[in-house]
């Protein structure tokens, strides 16, 4: 059974930083592209970032480009999202996602989802 467990969310002031982690189990981690989505109150879930399986190719939503950085540690089955210069509009539940296809994360619907972690940015 695939499990994606997020951690690292919390409350931070605007301009601050947070680092989210996602521990994966039940899958061969290095064979999956991994990413992050988010859902703000009253809004649809939206793509945030994706990283390829092993060669470190990444892509970001325009709204976070230059502020967020996705990375992964295949030895520890973990993916990270470093969030800097946070803004109140970044407030959302952040979901870790995984899929064998990189494009499914960026352009479609990832197969696996975590339960989410709340990030709140105060002004």
N, C-alpha and C. Protein backbone atom coordinates (compact mmCIF):
# COMPACT_ATOMS: atom_id res chain seq x y z
N UNK A 1 0.85 -1.19 0.00
CA UNK A 1 0.00 0.00 0.00
C UNK A 1 0.88 1.24 0.00
N UNK A 2 0.64 2.13 -0.95
CA UNK A 2 1.44 3.34 -1.04
C UNK A 2 0.98 4.35 0.01
N UNK A 3 1.96 4.92 0.70
CA UNK A 3 1.67 5.98 1.67
C UNK A 3 2.61 7.15 1.44
N UNK A 4 2.04 8.34 1.43
CA UNK A 4 2.80 9.58 1.36
C UNK A 4 2.42 10.39 2.59
N UNK A 5 3.41 10.69 3.43
CA UNK A 5 3.13 11.36 4.70
C UNK A 5 3.90 12.67 4.74
N UNK A 6 3.14 13.77 4.74
CA UNK A 6 3.73 15.10 4.77
C UNK A 6 3.99 15.57 6.20
N UNK A 7 4.98 16.43 6.33
CA UNK A 7 5.27 17.08 7.61
C UNK A 7 5.93 18.42 7.34
N UNK A 8 5.97 19.25 8.38
CA UNK A 8 6.68 20.52 8.26
C UNK A 8 5.80 21.74 8.08
N UNK A 9 4.50 21.54 7.98
CA UNK A 9 3.62 22.69 7.86
C UNK A 9 3.52 23.46 9.17
N UNK A 10 2.88 24.63 9.11
CA UNK A 10 2.71 25.41 10.32
C UNK A 10 2.34 26.84 10.00
N UNK A 11 2.49 27.69 11.01
CA UNK A 11 2.17 29.11 10.90
C UNK A 11 3.46 29.90 10.81
N UNK A 12 3.53 30.79 9.84
CA UNK A 12 4.73 31.60 9.65
C UNK A 12 4.32 33.00 9.20
N UNK A 13 5.13 33.98 9.53
CA UNK A 13 4.84 35.34 9.09
C UNK A 13 5.25 35.54 7.63
N UNK A 14 4.61 36.47 6.99
CA UNK A 14 4.97 36.80 5.61
C UNK A 14 6.46 37.14 5.53
N UNK A 15 7.08 36.62 4.48
CA UNK A 15 8.52 36.79 4.32
C UNK A 15 9.35 35.67 4.92
N UNK A 16 8.71 34.83 5.69
CA UNK A 16 9.41 33.72 6.33
C UNK A 16 9.56 32.51 5.43
N UNK A 17 10.10 31.45 6.03
CA UNK A 17 10.37 30.22 5.29
C UNK A 17 9.84 29.01 6.03
N UNK A 18 9.52 27.98 5.26
CA UNK A 18 9.16 26.67 5.79
C UNK A 18 9.72 25.61 4.87
N UNK A 19 10.01 24.44 5.43
CA UNK A 19 10.44 23.31 4.61
C UNK A 19 9.51 22.14 4.85
N UNK A 20 8.82 21.75 3.81
CA UNK A 20 7.94 20.59 3.89
C UNK A 20 8.70 19.33 3.51
N UNK A 21 8.35 18.23 4.16
CA UNK A 21 8.92 16.93 3.84
C UNK A 21 7.79 15.95 3.54
N UNK A 22 8.09 14.96 2.73
CA UNK A 22 7.12 13.92 2.42
C UNK A 22 7.85 12.59 2.40
N UNK A 23 7.49 11.72 3.32
CA UNK A 23 8.08 10.38 3.38
C UNK A 23 7.20 9.39 2.64
N UNK A 24 7.78 8.68 1.69
CA UNK A 24 7.03 7.74 0.87
C UNK A 24 7.34 6.30 1.25
N UNK A 25 6.34 5.47 1.19
CA UNK A 25 6.53 4.04 1.43
C UNK A 25 5.57 3.26 0.54
N UNK A 26 5.89 1.98 0.34
CA UNK A 26 5.01 1.13 -0.45
C UNK A 26 5.21 1.24 -1.94
N UNK A 27 6.25 1.95 -2.38
CA UNK A 27 6.55 2.06 -3.80
C UNK A 27 8.06 2.14 -3.99
N UNK A 28 8.51 1.82 -5.21
CA UNK A 28 9.93 1.98 -5.53
C UNK A 28 10.15 3.45 -5.83
N UNK A 29 10.59 4.18 -4.83
CA UNK A 29 10.57 5.64 -4.85
C UNK A 29 11.30 6.22 -6.06
N UNK A 30 12.44 5.65 -6.39
CA UNK A 30 13.27 6.21 -7.46
C UNK A 30 12.62 6.06 -8.83
N UNK A 31 11.56 5.30 -8.94
CA UNK A 31 10.87 5.10 -10.22
C UNK A 31 9.69 6.05 -10.39
N UNK A 32 9.50 6.94 -9.42
CA UNK A 32 8.35 7.84 -9.45
C UNK A 32 8.78 9.30 -9.46
N UNK A 33 8.16 10.06 -10.35
CA UNK A 33 8.23 11.51 -10.22
C UNK A 33 7.42 11.91 -9.00
N UNK A 34 7.86 12.95 -8.33
CA UNK A 34 7.18 13.41 -7.12
C UNK A 34 6.88 14.89 -7.23
N UNK A 35 5.88 15.33 -6.51
CA UNK A 35 5.53 16.73 -6.60
C UNK A 35 4.70 17.21 -5.43
N UNK A 36 4.28 18.46 -5.57
CA UNK A 36 3.45 19.10 -4.56
C UNK A 36 2.30 19.84 -5.23
N UNK A 37 1.14 19.71 -4.64
CA UNK A 37 -0.05 20.49 -4.99
C UNK A 37 -0.45 21.27 -3.75
N UNK A 38 -1.36 22.21 -3.92
CA UNK A 38 -1.91 22.92 -2.77
C UNK A 38 -3.36 23.28 -3.05
N UNK A 39 -4.10 23.47 -1.97
CA UNK A 39 -5.49 23.90 -2.07
C UNK A 39 -5.77 24.95 -1.01
N UNK A 40 -6.08 26.14 -1.47
CA UNK A 40 -6.44 27.24 -0.58
C UNK A 40 -7.94 27.19 -0.30
N UNK A 41 -8.37 27.80 0.80
CA UNK A 41 -9.81 27.80 1.14
C UNK A 41 -10.65 28.35 0.00
N UNK A 42 -11.67 27.60 -0.41
CA UNK A 42 -12.58 28.05 -1.45
C UNK A 42 -12.03 27.97 -2.86
N UNK A 43 -10.86 27.38 -3.02
CA UNK A 43 -10.26 27.28 -4.35
C UNK A 43 -9.98 25.83 -4.72
N UNK A 44 -9.75 25.59 -5.99
CA UNK A 44 -9.42 24.25 -6.45
C UNK A 44 -7.95 23.94 -6.14
N UNK A 45 -7.67 22.66 -6.09
CA UNK A 45 -6.28 22.25 -5.93
C UNK A 45 -5.47 22.71 -7.14
N UNK A 46 -4.23 23.12 -6.90
CA UNK A 46 -3.39 23.58 -7.99
C UNK A 46 -1.99 23.00 -7.89
N UNK A 47 -1.40 22.80 -9.03
CA UNK A 47 -0.03 22.31 -9.13
C UNK A 47 0.94 23.34 -8.55
N UNK A 48 1.95 22.85 -7.81
CA UNK A 48 2.98 23.72 -7.25
C UNK A 48 4.35 23.41 -7.86
N UNK A 49 4.77 22.14 -7.78
CA UNK A 49 6.11 21.79 -8.25
C UNK A 49 6.19 20.30 -8.51
N UNK A 50 7.14 19.93 -9.38
CA UNK A 50 7.37 18.52 -9.69
C UNK A 50 8.87 18.31 -9.89
N UNK A 51 9.33 17.10 -9.52
CA UNK A 51 10.72 16.72 -9.75
C UNK A 51 10.75 15.34 -10.39
N UNK A 52 11.65 15.16 -11.32
CA UNK A 52 11.73 13.89 -12.04
C UNK A 52 12.31 12.80 -11.14
N UNK A 53 12.35 11.59 -11.69
CA UNK A 53 12.69 10.42 -10.87
C UNK A 53 14.13 10.45 -10.38
N UNK A 54 15.07 10.74 -11.27
CA UNK A 54 16.46 10.59 -10.84
C UNK A 54 17.41 11.66 -11.36
N UNK A 55 17.01 12.45 -12.37
CA UNK A 55 17.96 13.39 -12.95
C UNK A 55 17.71 14.83 -12.54
N UNK A 56 16.80 15.01 -11.58
CA UNK A 56 16.65 16.32 -10.98
C UNK A 56 15.95 17.38 -11.81
N UNK A 57 15.27 16.98 -12.87
CA UNK A 57 14.52 17.96 -13.66
C UNK A 57 13.33 18.42 -12.84
N UNK A 58 13.12 19.75 -12.81
CA UNK A 58 12.04 20.32 -12.00
C UNK A 58 11.20 21.29 -12.83
N UNK A 59 10.00 21.52 -12.33
CA UNK A 59 9.13 22.52 -12.92
C UNK A 59 8.27 23.11 -11.82
N UNK A 60 7.91 24.38 -11.98
CA UNK A 60 7.18 25.09 -10.94
C UNK A 60 6.01 25.88 -11.52
N UNK A 61 5.00 26.08 -10.69
CA UNK A 61 3.96 27.02 -11.04
C UNK A 61 4.55 28.42 -11.07
N UNK A 62 4.04 29.27 -11.94
CA UNK A 62 4.56 30.63 -12.04
C UNK A 62 4.47 31.37 -10.72
N UNK A 63 3.45 31.07 -9.94
CA UNK A 63 3.22 31.80 -8.69
C UNK A 63 4.28 31.53 -7.63
N UNK A 64 5.05 30.45 -7.77
CA UNK A 64 6.06 30.12 -6.76
C UNK A 64 7.47 30.11 -7.32
N UNK A 65 7.60 30.30 -8.61
CA UNK A 65 8.91 30.24 -9.25
C UNK A 65 9.84 31.27 -8.64
N UNK A 66 11.05 30.84 -8.30
CA UNK A 66 12.03 31.73 -7.70
C UNK A 66 11.94 31.82 -6.18
N UNK A 67 10.85 31.29 -5.60
CA UNK A 67 10.69 31.31 -4.14
C UNK A 67 10.70 29.91 -3.54
N UNK A 68 10.18 28.95 -4.27
CA UNK A 68 10.10 27.56 -3.78
C UNK A 68 11.12 26.70 -4.52
N UNK A 69 11.58 25.66 -3.84
CA UNK A 69 12.52 24.71 -4.46
C UNK A 69 12.16 23.30 -4.04
N UNK A 70 11.97 22.43 -5.02
CA UNK A 70 11.68 21.03 -4.74
C UNK A 70 12.96 20.21 -4.88
N UNK A 71 13.11 19.23 -4.01
CA UNK A 71 14.27 18.35 -4.08
C UNK A 71 13.86 16.97 -3.56
N UNK A 72 14.73 16.00 -3.73
CA UNK A 72 14.41 14.65 -3.27
C UNK A 72 15.68 13.93 -2.84
N UNK A 73 15.49 12.98 -1.94
CA UNK A 73 16.56 12.12 -1.48
C UNK A 73 16.09 10.69 -1.72
N UNK A 74 16.55 10.09 -2.79
CA UNK A 74 16.07 8.75 -3.13
C UNK A 74 16.53 7.68 -2.14
N UNK A 75 17.63 7.95 -1.45
CA UNK A 75 18.10 6.99 -0.44
C UNK A 75 17.18 6.96 0.78
N UNK A 76 16.48 8.07 1.01
CA UNK A 76 15.59 8.17 2.18
C UNK A 76 14.12 8.19 1.79
N UNK A 77 13.84 7.97 0.50
CA UNK A 77 12.44 7.95 0.03
C UNK A 77 11.67 9.21 0.47
N UNK A 78 12.32 10.35 0.32
CA UNK A 78 11.74 11.59 0.81
C UNK A 78 11.85 12.68 -0.25
N UNK A 79 10.80 13.47 -0.34
CA UNK A 79 10.81 14.65 -1.20
C UNK A 79 10.57 15.87 -0.33
N UNK A 80 11.17 16.99 -0.71
CA UNK A 80 11.11 18.21 0.09
C UNK A 80 10.57 19.37 -0.74
N UNK A 81 10.03 20.34 -0.03
CA UNK A 81 9.65 21.60 -0.67
C UNK A 81 10.13 22.72 0.24
N UNK A 82 11.17 23.41 -0.18
CA UNK A 82 11.68 24.57 0.55
C UNK A 82 10.91 25.79 0.07
N UNK A 83 10.25 26.47 0.99
CA UNK A 83 9.42 27.62 0.65
C UNK A 83 9.99 28.85 1.32
N UNK A 84 10.43 29.80 0.51
CA UNK A 84 11.01 31.05 1.00
C UNK A 84 10.15 32.23 0.59
N UNK A 85 10.38 33.35 1.23
CA UNK A 85 9.64 34.58 0.91
C UNK A 85 8.14 34.31 0.84
N UNK A 86 7.64 33.65 1.85
CA UNK A 86 6.23 33.25 1.85
C UNK A 86 5.31 34.46 1.90
N UNK A 87 4.17 34.32 1.23
CA UNK A 87 3.17 35.37 1.15
C UNK A 87 1.85 34.85 1.72
N UNK A 88 0.98 35.73 2.17
CA UNK A 88 -0.32 35.26 2.68
C UNK A 88 -1.08 34.41 1.65
N UNK A 89 -0.91 34.70 0.38
CA UNK A 89 -1.61 33.93 -0.65
C UNK A 89 -1.04 32.52 -0.82
N UNK A 90 0.05 32.20 -0.14
CA UNK A 90 0.56 30.83 -0.14
C UNK A 90 -0.16 29.97 0.89
N UNK A 91 -1.01 30.57 1.70
CA UNK A 91 -1.77 29.82 2.69
C UNK A 91 -2.63 28.77 2.01
N UNK A 92 -2.45 27.51 2.42
CA UNK A 92 -3.16 26.40 1.77
C UNK A 92 -2.80 25.10 2.49
N UNK A 93 -3.54 24.06 2.15
CA UNK A 93 -3.12 22.71 2.51
C UNK A 93 -2.23 22.22 1.37
N UNK A 94 -1.05 21.75 1.73
CA UNK A 94 -0.08 21.29 0.74
C UNK A 94 -0.07 19.77 0.72
N UNK A 95 -0.19 19.22 -0.50
CA UNK A 95 -0.25 17.78 -0.69
C UNK A 95 0.97 17.28 -1.44
N UNK A 96 1.53 16.22 -0.94
CA UNK A 96 2.59 15.50 -1.64
C UNK A 96 1.94 14.53 -2.62
N UNK A 97 2.49 14.45 -3.83
CA UNK A 97 1.92 13.56 -4.85
C UNK A 97 3.03 12.77 -5.53
N UNK A 98 2.64 11.63 -6.10
CA UNK A 98 3.59 10.80 -6.83
C UNK A 98 2.93 10.14 -8.02
N UNK A 99 3.71 9.97 -9.08
CA UNK A 99 3.21 9.30 -10.28
C UNK A 99 4.41 8.82 -11.08
N UNK A 100 4.22 7.71 -11.79
CA UNK A 100 5.30 7.18 -12.61
C UNK A 100 5.62 8.15 -13.76
N UNK A 101 4.66 8.95 -14.17
CA UNK A 101 4.84 9.86 -15.28
C UNK A 101 4.96 11.31 -14.80
N UNK A 102 6.06 11.94 -15.16
CA UNK A 102 6.31 13.35 -14.80
C UNK A 102 5.16 14.24 -15.28
N UNK A 103 4.72 14.01 -16.49
CA UNK A 103 3.67 14.84 -17.06
C UNK A 103 2.34 14.73 -16.34
N UNK A 104 2.10 13.58 -15.74
CA UNK A 104 0.84 13.41 -15.00
C UNK A 104 0.77 14.31 -13.80
N UNK A 105 1.92 14.64 -13.24
CA UNK A 105 1.93 15.55 -12.10
C UNK A 105 1.76 16.98 -12.57
N UNK A 106 2.46 17.38 -13.60
CA UNK A 106 2.43 18.77 -14.02
C UNK A 106 1.16 19.12 -14.78
N UNK A 107 0.62 18.20 -15.55
CA UNK A 107 -0.47 18.55 -16.46
C UNK A 107 -1.77 17.78 -16.24
N UNK A 108 -1.74 16.77 -15.34
CA UNK A 108 -2.93 15.94 -15.23
C UNK A 108 -3.23 15.65 -13.76
N UNK A 109 -3.50 14.43 -13.45
CA UNK A 109 -3.90 14.04 -12.10
C UNK A 109 -2.95 12.97 -11.60
N UNK A 110 -2.12 13.29 -10.60
CA UNK A 110 -1.20 12.29 -10.06
C UNK A 110 -1.94 11.10 -9.46
N UNK A 111 -1.27 9.97 -9.50
CA UNK A 111 -1.93 8.75 -9.02
C UNK A 111 -2.01 8.71 -7.50
N UNK A 112 -0.94 9.09 -6.82
CA UNK A 112 -0.88 8.96 -5.36
C UNK A 112 -0.85 10.33 -4.68
N UNK A 113 -1.59 10.41 -3.58
CA UNK A 113 -1.71 11.66 -2.82
C UNK A 113 -1.50 11.39 -1.33
N UNK A 114 -0.86 12.35 -0.67
CA UNK A 114 -0.80 12.31 0.77
C UNK A 114 -2.04 12.96 1.37
N UNK A 115 -2.07 13.03 2.69
CA UNK A 115 -3.23 13.59 3.39
C UNK A 115 -3.18 15.10 3.49
N UNK A 116 -2.01 15.67 3.30
CA UNK A 116 -1.88 17.12 3.32
C UNK A 116 -1.36 17.66 4.63
N UNK A 117 -0.72 18.83 4.54
CA UNK A 117 -0.24 19.55 5.72
C UNK A 117 -0.58 21.02 5.55
N UNK A 118 -1.06 21.64 6.62
CA UNK A 118 -1.52 23.03 6.55
C UNK A 118 -0.35 23.99 6.64
N UNK A 119 -0.33 24.95 5.74
CA UNK A 119 0.62 26.06 5.79
C UNK A 119 -0.20 27.35 5.88
N UNK A 120 0.07 28.13 6.91
CA UNK A 120 -0.63 29.40 7.09
C UNK A 120 0.39 30.52 7.18
N UNK A 121 0.23 31.52 6.32
CA UNK A 121 1.15 32.65 6.28
C UNK A 121 0.38 33.89 6.73
N UNK A 122 0.81 34.48 7.82
CA UNK A 122 0.14 35.66 8.34
C UNK A 122 0.78 36.93 7.80
N UNK A 123 -0.06 37.95 7.65
CA UNK A 123 0.44 39.22 7.08
C UNK A 123 0.94 40.15 8.18
